[in-house]
């Protein structure tokens, strides 16, 4: 396992969580 691959996976997970939160917020506002 490369260190960069692990870091990229962590960033992708954070981005996905942010997108999910934004979607839920939009649904709640809508």
Protein backbone atom coordinates (compact mmCIF):
# COMPACT_ATOMS: atom_id res chain seq x y z
CA UNK A 1 0.00 0.00 0.00
CA UNK A 2 1.46 3.34 -1.07
CA UNK A 3 1.17 6.26 1.35
CA UNK A 4 -0.22 8.46 -1.42
CA UNK A 5 -2.98 5.95 -2.22
CA UNK A 6 -4.06 5.92 1.45
CA UNK A 7 -4.04 9.74 1.58
CA UNK A 8 -6.05 9.95 -1.65
CA UNK A 9 -8.60 7.46 -0.30
CA UNK A 10 -9.00 9.56 2.86
CA UNK A 11 -9.52 12.74 0.81
CA UNK A 12 -12.05 11.00 -1.44
CA UNK A 13 -13.98 9.79 1.61
CA UNK A 14 -14.07 13.32 3.06
CA UNK A 15 -15.22 14.74 -0.29
CA UNK A 16 -17.98 12.11 -0.53
CA UNK A 17 -19.13 12.93 3.02
CA UNK A 18 -19.22 16.66 2.17
CA UNK A 19 -21.25 15.97 -0.98
CA UNK A 20 -23.70 13.80 0.98
CA UNK A 21 -24.09 16.51 3.64
CA UNK A 22 -24.69 19.14 0.96
CA UNK A 23 -27.31 16.93 -0.70
CA UNK A 24 -29.11 16.37 2.60
CA UNK A 25 -28.97 20.11 3.37
CA UNK A 26 -30.38 20.93 -0.08
CA UNK A 27 -33.17 18.38 0.44
CA UNK A 28 -33.96 19.84 3.86
CA UNK A 29 -33.99 23.42 2.49
CA UNK A 30 -35.97 22.37 -0.59
